[in-house]
Structure formats: C-alpha cells, structure tokens
Amino acid sequence: MPAPDKVKGPASYFPSIEKTYGQPMAHWFALVQQQQGKKHMEIVAWLKAEHGLGHGHANAIVAHCLAAGKA
C-alpha cells in the first residue's frame, strides 16, 4: 500500500498552528480575510503583533490565504 502524500507548503504548518494557539484554521483564515487590501508582510506583522503568532506560522497562514484568493 503506497504511503499517503505528505502535506507540503504552508498547509504543513496547520496542525502545529492549531495546537499552539488553540484555534482552528478557519479562525485564522477569517482574520486574514478582514485584512483585505493589505500586503503580505503587513498582514504577517499584524498577526504577530495583535495575536501573538510566530513569524513562520503567521507567514504560512497569509501565504495560504493569498494563494487561495482569501485575502
């Protein structure tokens, strides 16, 4: 039986983000959607300053949302 494909890219951070900050990914995606019109790094900085996320986690959330057209 073949091994399941390993999750790559920003989504690989999602289990750790949920565990570390106690919120489902839908919560973070909704927050990023509220920041429409801002640049990637502006949203990353906002998540870090206002919600206490680490840089890698904030960057992964924003990258995923921007790639999916959610911000």
PDB file of N, CA and C in Angstrom:
ATOM      1  N   MET A   1       0.849  -1.170   0.000  1.00  0.00           N
ATOM      2  CA  MET A   1       0.000   0.000   0.000  1.00  0.00           C
ATOM      3  C   MET A   1       0.896   1.235   0.000  1.00  0.00           C
ATOM      4  N   PRO A   2       0.669   2.171  -0.944  1.00  0.00           N
ATOM      5  CA  PRO A   2       1.519   3.365  -1.010  1.00  0.00           C
ATOM      6  C   PRO A   2       1.278   4.286   0.186  1.00  0.00           C
ATOM      7  N   ALA A   3       2.326   4.981   0.589  1.00  0.00           N
ATOM      8  CA  ALA A   3       2.213   5.937   1.691  1.00  0.00           C
ATOM      9  C   ALA A   3       1.424   7.147   1.218  1.00  0.00           C
ATOM     10  N   PRO A   4       0.626   7.728   2.118  1.00  0.00           N
ATOM     11  CA  PRO A   4      -0.126   8.932   1.716  1.00  0.00           C
ATOM     12  C   PRO A   4       0.839  10.077   1.433  1.00  0.00           C
ATOM     13  N   ASP A   5       0.428  10.937   0.510  1.00  0.00           N
ATOM     14  CA  ASP A   5       1.257  12.092   0.174  1.00  0.00           C
ATOM     15  C   ASP A   5       1.434  12.968   1.406  1.00  0.00           C
ATOM     16  N   LYS A   6       2.665  13.382   1.638  1.00  0.00           N
ATOM     17  CA  LYS A   6       2.956  14.261   2.762  1.00  0.00           C
ATOM     18  C   LYS A   6       2.508  15.676   2.414  1.00  0.00           C
ATOM     19  N   VAL A   7       1.871  16.336   3.356  1.00  0.00           N
ATOM     20  CA  VAL A   7       1.419  17.708   3.144  1.00  0.00           C
ATOM     21  C   VAL A   7       2.646  18.603   3.032  1.00  0.00           C
ATOM     22  N   LYS A   8       2.636  19.465   2.033  1.00  0.00           N
ATOM     23  CA  LYS A   8       3.768  20.355   1.787  1.00  0.00           C
ATOM     24  C   LYS A   8       3.296  21.799   1.795  1.00  0.00           C
ATOM     25  N   GLY A   9       4.246  22.695   1.828  1.00  0.00           N
ATOM     26  CA  GLY A   9       3.939  24.119   1.752  1.00  0.00           C
ATOM     27  C   GLY A   9       3.326  24.642   3.034  1.00  0.00           C
ATOM     28  N   PRO A  10       2.639  25.774   2.945  1.00  0.00           N
ATOM     29  CA  PRO A  10       2.078  26.407   4.142  1.00  0.00           C
ATOM     30  C   PRO A  10       1.163  25.482   4.947  1.00  0.00           C
ATOM     31  N   ALA A  11       0.423  24.619   4.274  1.00  0.00           N
ATOM     32  CA  ALA A  11      -0.513  23.734   4.980  1.00  0.00           C
ATOM     33  C   ALA A  11       0.187  22.779   5.930  1.00  0.00           C
ATOM     34  N   SER A  12       1.468  22.539   5.725  1.00  0.00           N
ATOM     35  CA  SER A  12       2.193  21.640   6.625  1.00  0.00           C
ATOM     36  C   SER A  12       2.305  22.234   8.033  1.00  0.00           C
ATOM     37  N   TYR A  13       2.127  23.528   8.165  1.00  0.00           N
ATOM     38  CA  TYR A  13       2.178  24.195   9.465  1.00  0.00           C
ATOM     39  C   TYR A  13       0.843  24.152  10.221  1.00  0.00           C
ATOM     40  N   PHE A  14      -0.251  23.847   9.542  1.00  0.00           N
ATOM     41  CA  PHE A  14      -1.577  23.991  10.125  1.00  0.00           C
ATOM     42  C   PHE A  14      -1.791  23.188  11.401  1.00  0.00           C
ATOM     43  N   PRO A  15      -1.400  21.913  11.466  1.00  0.00           N
ATOM     44  CA  PRO A  15      -1.600  21.184  12.736  1.00  0.00           C
ATOM     45  C   PRO A  15      -0.876  21.842  13.909  1.00  0.00           C
ATOM     46  N   SER A  16       0.320  22.313  13.676  1.00  0.00           N
ATOM     47  CA  SER A  16       1.086  22.979  14.728  1.00  0.00           C
ATOM     48  C   SER A  16       0.443  24.300  15.130  1.00  0.00           C
ATOM     49  N   ILE A  17      -0.079  25.030  14.173  1.00  0.00           N
ATOM     50  CA  ILE A  17      -0.734  26.312  14.459  1.00  0.00           C
ATOM     51  C   ILE A  17      -1.961  26.076  15.340  1.00  0.00           C
ATOM     52  N   GLU A  18      -2.774  25.094  14.968  1.00  0.00           N
ATOM     53  CA  GLU A  18      -3.974  24.800  15.751  1.00  0.00           C
ATOM     54  C   GLU A  18      -3.614  24.360  17.171  1.00  0.00           C
ATOM     55  N   LYS A  19      -2.607  23.528  17.295  1.00  0.00           N
ATOM     56  CA  LYS A  19      -2.188  23.043  18.607  1.00  0.00           C
ATOM     57  C   LYS A  19      -1.594  24.171  19.455  1.00  0.00           C
ATOM     58  N   THR A  20      -0.744  24.978  18.875  1.00  0.00           N
ATOM     59  CA  THR A  20      -0.045  26.026  19.605  1.00  0.00           C
ATOM     60  C   THR A  20      -0.973  27.146  20.066  1.00  0.00           C
ATOM     61  N   TYR A  21      -1.907  27.559  19.199  1.00  0.00           N
ATOM     62  CA  TYR A  21      -2.720  28.741  19.502  1.00  0.00           C
ATOM     63  C   TYR A  21      -4.171  28.414  19.867  1.00  0.00           C
ATOM     64  N   GLY A  22      -4.543  27.140  19.797  1.00  0.00           N
ATOM     65  CA  GLY A  22      -5.858  26.712  20.270  1.00  0.00           C
ATOM     66  C   GLY A  22      -7.046  27.160  19.448  1.00  0.00           C
ATOM     67  N   GLN A  23      -6.818  27.501  18.211  1.00  0.00           N
ATOM     68  CA  GLN A  23      -7.902  27.934  17.327  1.00  0.00           C
ATOM     69  C   GLN A  23      -7.842  27.128  16.034  1.00  0.00           C
ATOM     70  N   PRO A  24      -9.008  26.810  15.444  1.00  0.00           N
ATOM     71  CA  PRO A  24      -8.997  26.119  14.148  1.00  0.00           C
ATOM     72  C   PRO A  24      -8.497  27.049  13.051  1.00  0.00           C
ATOM     73  N   MET A  25      -8.056  26.470  11.964  1.00  0.00           N
ATOM     74  CA  MET A  25      -7.535  27.279  10.857  1.00  0.00           C
ATOM     75  C   MET A  25      -8.590  28.231  10.312  1.00  0.00           C
ATOM     76  N   ALA A  26      -9.858  27.848  10.355  1.00  0.00           N
ATOM     77  CA  ALA A  26     -10.916  28.731   9.874  1.00  0.00           C
ATOM     78  C   ALA A  26     -10.905  30.067  10.617  1.00  0.00           C
ATOM     79  N   HIS A  27     -10.559  30.040  11.895  1.00  0.00           N
ATOM     80  CA  HIS A  27     -10.458  31.271  12.685  1.00  0.00           C
ATOM     81  C   HIS A  27      -9.398  32.195  12.096  1.00  0.00           C
ATOM     82  N   TRP A  28      -8.222  31.644  11.816  1.00  0.00           N
ATOM     83  CA  TRP A  28      -7.115  32.453  11.287  1.00  0.00           C
ATOM     84  C   TRP A  28      -7.411  32.939   9.881  1.00  0.00           C
ATOM     85  N   PHE A  29      -8.030  32.083   9.065  1.00  0.00           N
ATOM     86  CA  PHE A  29      -8.377  32.489   7.700  1.00  0.00           C
ATOM     87  C   PHE A  29      -9.371  33.660   7.728  1.00  0.00           C
ATOM     88  N   ALA A  30     -10.332  33.602   8.639  1.00  0.00           N
ATOM     89  CA  ALA A  30     -11.324  34.678   8.746  1.00  0.00           C
ATOM     90  C   ALA A  30     -10.656  35.988   9.151  1.00  0.00           C
ATOM     91  N   LEU A  31      -9.697  35.918  10.069  1.00  0.00           N
ATOM     92  CA  LEU A  31      -8.984  37.129  10.470  1.00  0.00           C
ATOM     93  C   LEU A  31      -8.217  37.732   9.302  1.00  0.00           C
ATOM     94  N   VAL A  32      -7.577  36.889   8.530  1.00  0.00           N
ATOM     95  CA  VAL A  32      -6.806  37.382   7.377  1.00  0.00           C
ATOM     96  C   VAL A  32      -7.739  37.997   6.340  1.00  0.00           C
ATOM     97  N   GLN A  33      -8.910  37.402   6.152  1.00  0.00           N
ATOM     98  CA  GLN A  33      -9.865  37.956   5.191  1.00  0.00           C
ATOM     99  C   GLN A  33     -10.262  39.384   5.560  1.00  0.00           C
ATOM    100  N   GLN A  34     -10.270  39.691   6.838  1.00  0.00           N
ATOM    101  CA  GLN A  34     -10.628  41.029   7.292  1.00  0.00           C
ATOM    102  C   GLN A  34      -9.544  42.056   6.954  1.00  0.00           C
ATOM    103  N   GLN A  35      -8.386  41.587   6.535  1.00  0.00           N
ATOM    104  CA  GLN A  35      -7.261  42.468   6.229  1.00  0.00           C
ATOM    105  C   GLN A  35      -7.085  42.683   4.723  1.00  0.00           C
ATOM    106  N   GLN A  36      -8.143  42.483   3.968  1.00  0.00           N
ATOM    107  CA  GLN A  36      -8.077  42.636   2.515  1.00  0.00           C
ATOM    108  C   GLN A  36      -7.483  43.975   2.126  1.00  0.00           C
ATOM    109  N   GLY A  37      -6.688  43.939   1.070  1.00  0.00           N
ATOM    110  CA  GLY A  37      -6.083  45.149   0.544  1.00  0.00           C
ATOM    111  C   GLY A  37      -4.710  45.443   1.123  1.00  0.00           C
ATOM    112  N   LYS A  38      -4.326  44.716   2.181  1.00  0.00           N
ATOM    113  CA  LYS A  38      -3.005  44.915   2.763  1.00  0.00           C
ATOM    114  C   LYS A  38      -2.009  43.970   2.117  1.00  0.00           C
ATOM    115  N   LYS A  39      -0.751  44.317   2.198  1.00  0.00           N
ATOM    116  CA  LYS A  39       0.309  43.489   1.629  1.00  0.00           C
ATOM    117  C   LYS A  39       0.608  42.311   2.550  1.00  0.00           C
ATOM    118  N   HIS A  40       1.223  41.303   1.956  1.00  0.00           N
ATOM    119  CA  HIS A  40       1.562  40.068   2.668  1.00  0.00           C
ATOM    120  C   HIS A  40       2.238  40.358   4.008  1.00  0.00           C
ATOM    121  N   MET A  41       3.326  41.086   3.983  1.00  0.00           N
ATOM    122  CA  MET A  41       4.093  41.307   5.204  1.00  0.00           C
ATOM    123  C   MET A  41       3.369  42.220   6.200  1.00  0.00           C
ATOM    124  N   GLU A  42       2.471  43.054   5.720  1.00  0.00           N
ATOM    125  CA  GLU A  42       1.658  43.861   6.632  1.00  0.00           C
ATOM    126  C   GLU A  42       0.725  42.969   7.437  1.00  0.00           C
ATOM    127  N   ILE A  43       0.152  41.970   6.777  1.00  0.00           N
ATOM    128  CA  ILE A  43      -0.751  41.044   7.461  1.00  0.00           C
ATOM    129  C   ILE A  43       0.036  40.154   8.417  1.00  0.00           C
ATOM    130  N   VAL A  44       1.207  39.701   7.996  1.00  0.00           N
ATOM    131  CA  VAL A  44       2.068  38.897   8.866  1.00  0.00           C
ATOM    132  C   VAL A  44       2.393  39.692  10.127  1.00  0.00           C
ATOM    133  N   ALA A  45       2.811  40.925   9.969  1.00  0.00           N
ATOM    134  CA  ALA A  45       3.158  41.765  11.116  1.00  0.00           C
ATOM    135  C   ALA A  45       1.952  41.969  12.028  1.00  0.00           C
ATOM    136  N   TRP A  46       0.779  42.130  11.459  1.00  0.00           N
ATOM    137  CA  TRP A  46      -0.440  42.313  12.235  1.00  0.00           C
ATOM    138  C   TRP A  46      -0.764  41.061  13.047  1.00  0.00           C
ATOM    139  N   LEU A  47      -0.670  39.887  12.419  1.00  0.00           N
ATOM    140  CA  LEU A  47      -0.930  38.639  13.148  1.00  0.00           C
ATOM    141  C   LEU A  47       0.054  38.466  14.301  1.00  0.00           C
ATOM    142  N   LYS A  48       1.298  38.821  14.085  1.00  0.00           N
ATOM    143  CA  LYS A  48       2.310  38.713  15.127  1.00  0.00           C
ATOM    144  C   LYS A  48       2.026  39.695  16.275  1.00  0.00           C
ATOM    145  N   ALA A  49       1.747  40.940  15.938  1.00  0.00           N
ATOM    146  CA  ALA A  49       1.555  41.978  16.945  1.00  0.00           C
ATOM    147  C   ALA A  49       0.233  41.843  17.701  1.00  0.00           C
ATOM    148  N   GLU A  50      -0.837  41.561  16.988  1.00  0.00           N
ATOM    149  CA  GLU A  50      -2.167  41.552  17.597  1.00  0.00           C
ATOM    150  C   GLU A  50      -2.592  40.197  18.158  1.00  0.00           C
ATOM    151  N   HIS A  51      -2.006  39.129  17.624  1.00  0.00           N
ATOM    152  CA  HIS A  51      -2.467  37.797  18.019  1.00  0.00           C
ATOM    153  C   HIS A  51      -1.352  36.902  18.547  1.00  0.00           C
ATOM    154  N   GLY A  52      -0.134  37.418  18.603  1.00  0.00           N
ATOM    155  CA  GLY A  52       0.966  36.691  19.210  1.00  0.00           C
ATOM    156  C   GLY A  52       1.499  35.504  18.435  1.00  0.00           C
ATOM    157  N   LEU A  53       1.230  35.446  17.141  1.00  0.00           N
ATOM    158  CA  LEU A  53       1.746  34.339  16.338  1.00  0.00           C
ATOM    159  C   LEU A  53       3.231  34.523  16.069  1.00  0.00           C
ATOM    160  N   GLY A  54       3.922  33.412  15.926  1.00  0.00           N
ATOM    161  CA  GLY A  54       5.306  33.453  15.496  1.00  0.00           C
ATOM    162  C   GLY A  54       5.363  33.794  14.018  1.00  0.00           C
ATOM    163  N   HIS A  55       6.531  34.217  13.572  1.00  0.00           N
ATOM    164  CA  HIS A  55       6.671  34.650  12.188  1.00  0.00           C
ATOM    165  C   HIS A  55       6.344  33.532  11.191  1.00  0.00           C
ATOM    166  N   GLY A  56       6.880  32.349  11.405  1.00  0.00           N
ATOM    167  CA  GLY A  56       6.647  31.242  10.469  1.00  0.00           C
ATOM    168  C   GLY A  56       5.184  30.858  10.370  1.00  0.00           C
ATOM    169  N   HIS A  57       4.506  30.824  11.511  1.00  0.00           N
ATOM    170  CA  HIS A  57       3.082  30.480  11.497  1.00  0.00           C
ATOM    171  C   HIS A  57       2.263  31.568  10.821  1.00  0.00           C
ATOM    172  N   ALA A  58       2.533  32.816  11.149  1.00  0.00           N
ATOM    173  CA  ALA A  58       1.798  33.922  10.520  1.00  0.00           C
ATOM    174  C   ALA A  58       2.039  33.934   9.014  1.00  0.00           C
ATOM    175  N   ASN A  59       3.266  33.729   8.616  1.00  0.00           N
ATOM    176  CA  ASN A  59       3.610  33.728   7.195  1.00  0.00           C
ATOM    177  C   ASN A  59       2.896  32.595   6.459  1.00  0.00           C
ATOM    178  N   ALA A  60       2.825  31.417   7.076  1.00  0.00           N
ATOM    179  CA  ALA A  60       2.156  30.275   6.444  1.00  0.00           C
ATOM    180  C   ALA A  60       0.669  30.552   6.244  1.00  0.00           C
ATOM    181  N   ILE A  61       0.031  31.132   7.241  1.00  0.00           N
ATOM    182  CA  ILE A  61      -1.398  31.451   7.138  1.00  0.00           C
ATOM    183  C   ILE A  61      -1.641  32.447   6.015  1.00  0.00           C
ATOM    184  N   VAL A  62      -0.870  33.511   5.992  1.00  0.00           N
ATOM    185  CA  VAL A  62      -1.050  34.552   4.982  1.00  0.00           C
ATOM    186  C   VAL A  62      -0.744  34.011   3.589  1.00  0.00           C
ATOM    187  N   ALA A  63       0.331  33.257   3.451  1.00  0.00           N
ATOM    188  CA  ALA A  63       0.685  32.690   2.137  1.00  0.00           C
ATOM    189  C   ALA A  63      -0.438  31.801   1.619  1.00  0.00           C
ATOM    190  N   HIS A  64      -0.998  30.976   2.486  1.00  0.00           N
ATOM    191  CA  HIS A  64      -2.100  30.099   2.065  1.00  0.00           C
ATOM    192  C   HIS A  64      -3.312  30.913   1.635  1.00  0.00           C
ATOM    193  N   CYS A  65      -3.665  31.904   2.435  1.00  0.00           N
ATOM    194  CA  CYS A  65      -4.841  32.719   2.109  1.00  0.00           C
ATOM    195  C   CYS A  65      -4.661  33.485   0.807  1.00  0.00           C
ATOM    196  N   LEU A  66      -3.500  34.068   0.610  1.00  0.00           N
ATOM    197  CA  LEU A  66      -3.256  34.828  -0.613  1.00  0.00           C
ATOM    198  C   LEU A  66      -3.262  33.904  -1.837  1.00  0.00           C
ATOM    199  N   ALA A  67      -2.674  32.731  -1.701  1.00  0.00           N
ATOM    200  CA  ALA A  67      -2.651  31.775  -2.818  1.00  0.00           C
ATOM    201  C   ALA A  67      -4.050  31.289  -3.171  1.00  0.00           C
ATOM    202  N   ALA A  68      -4.910  31.195  -2.152  1.00  0.00           N
ATOM    203  CA  ALA A  68      -6.279  30.715  -2.372  1.00  0.00           C
ATOM    204  C   ALA A  68      -7.237  31.853  -2.709  1.00  0.00           C
ATOM    205  N   GLY A  69      -6.734  33.072  -2.746  1.00  0.00           N
ATOM    206  CA  GLY A  69      -7.576  34.222  -3.052  1.00  0.00           C
ATOM    207  C   GLY A  69      -8.491  34.619  -1.906  1.00  0.00           C
ATOM    208  N   LYS A  70      -8.091  34.288  -0.656  1.00  0.00           N
ATOM    209  CA  LYS A  70      -8.917  34.575   0.510  1.00  0.00           C
ATOM    210  C   LYS A  70      -8.545  35.886   1.192  1.00  0.00           C
ATOM    211  N   ALA A  71      -7.637  36.635   0.599  1.00  0.00           N
ATOM    212  CA  ALA A  71      -7.255  37.910   1.236  1.00  0.00           C
ATOM    213  C   ALA A  71      -6.969  38.939   0.165  1.00  0.00           C
TER     214      ALA A  71
END
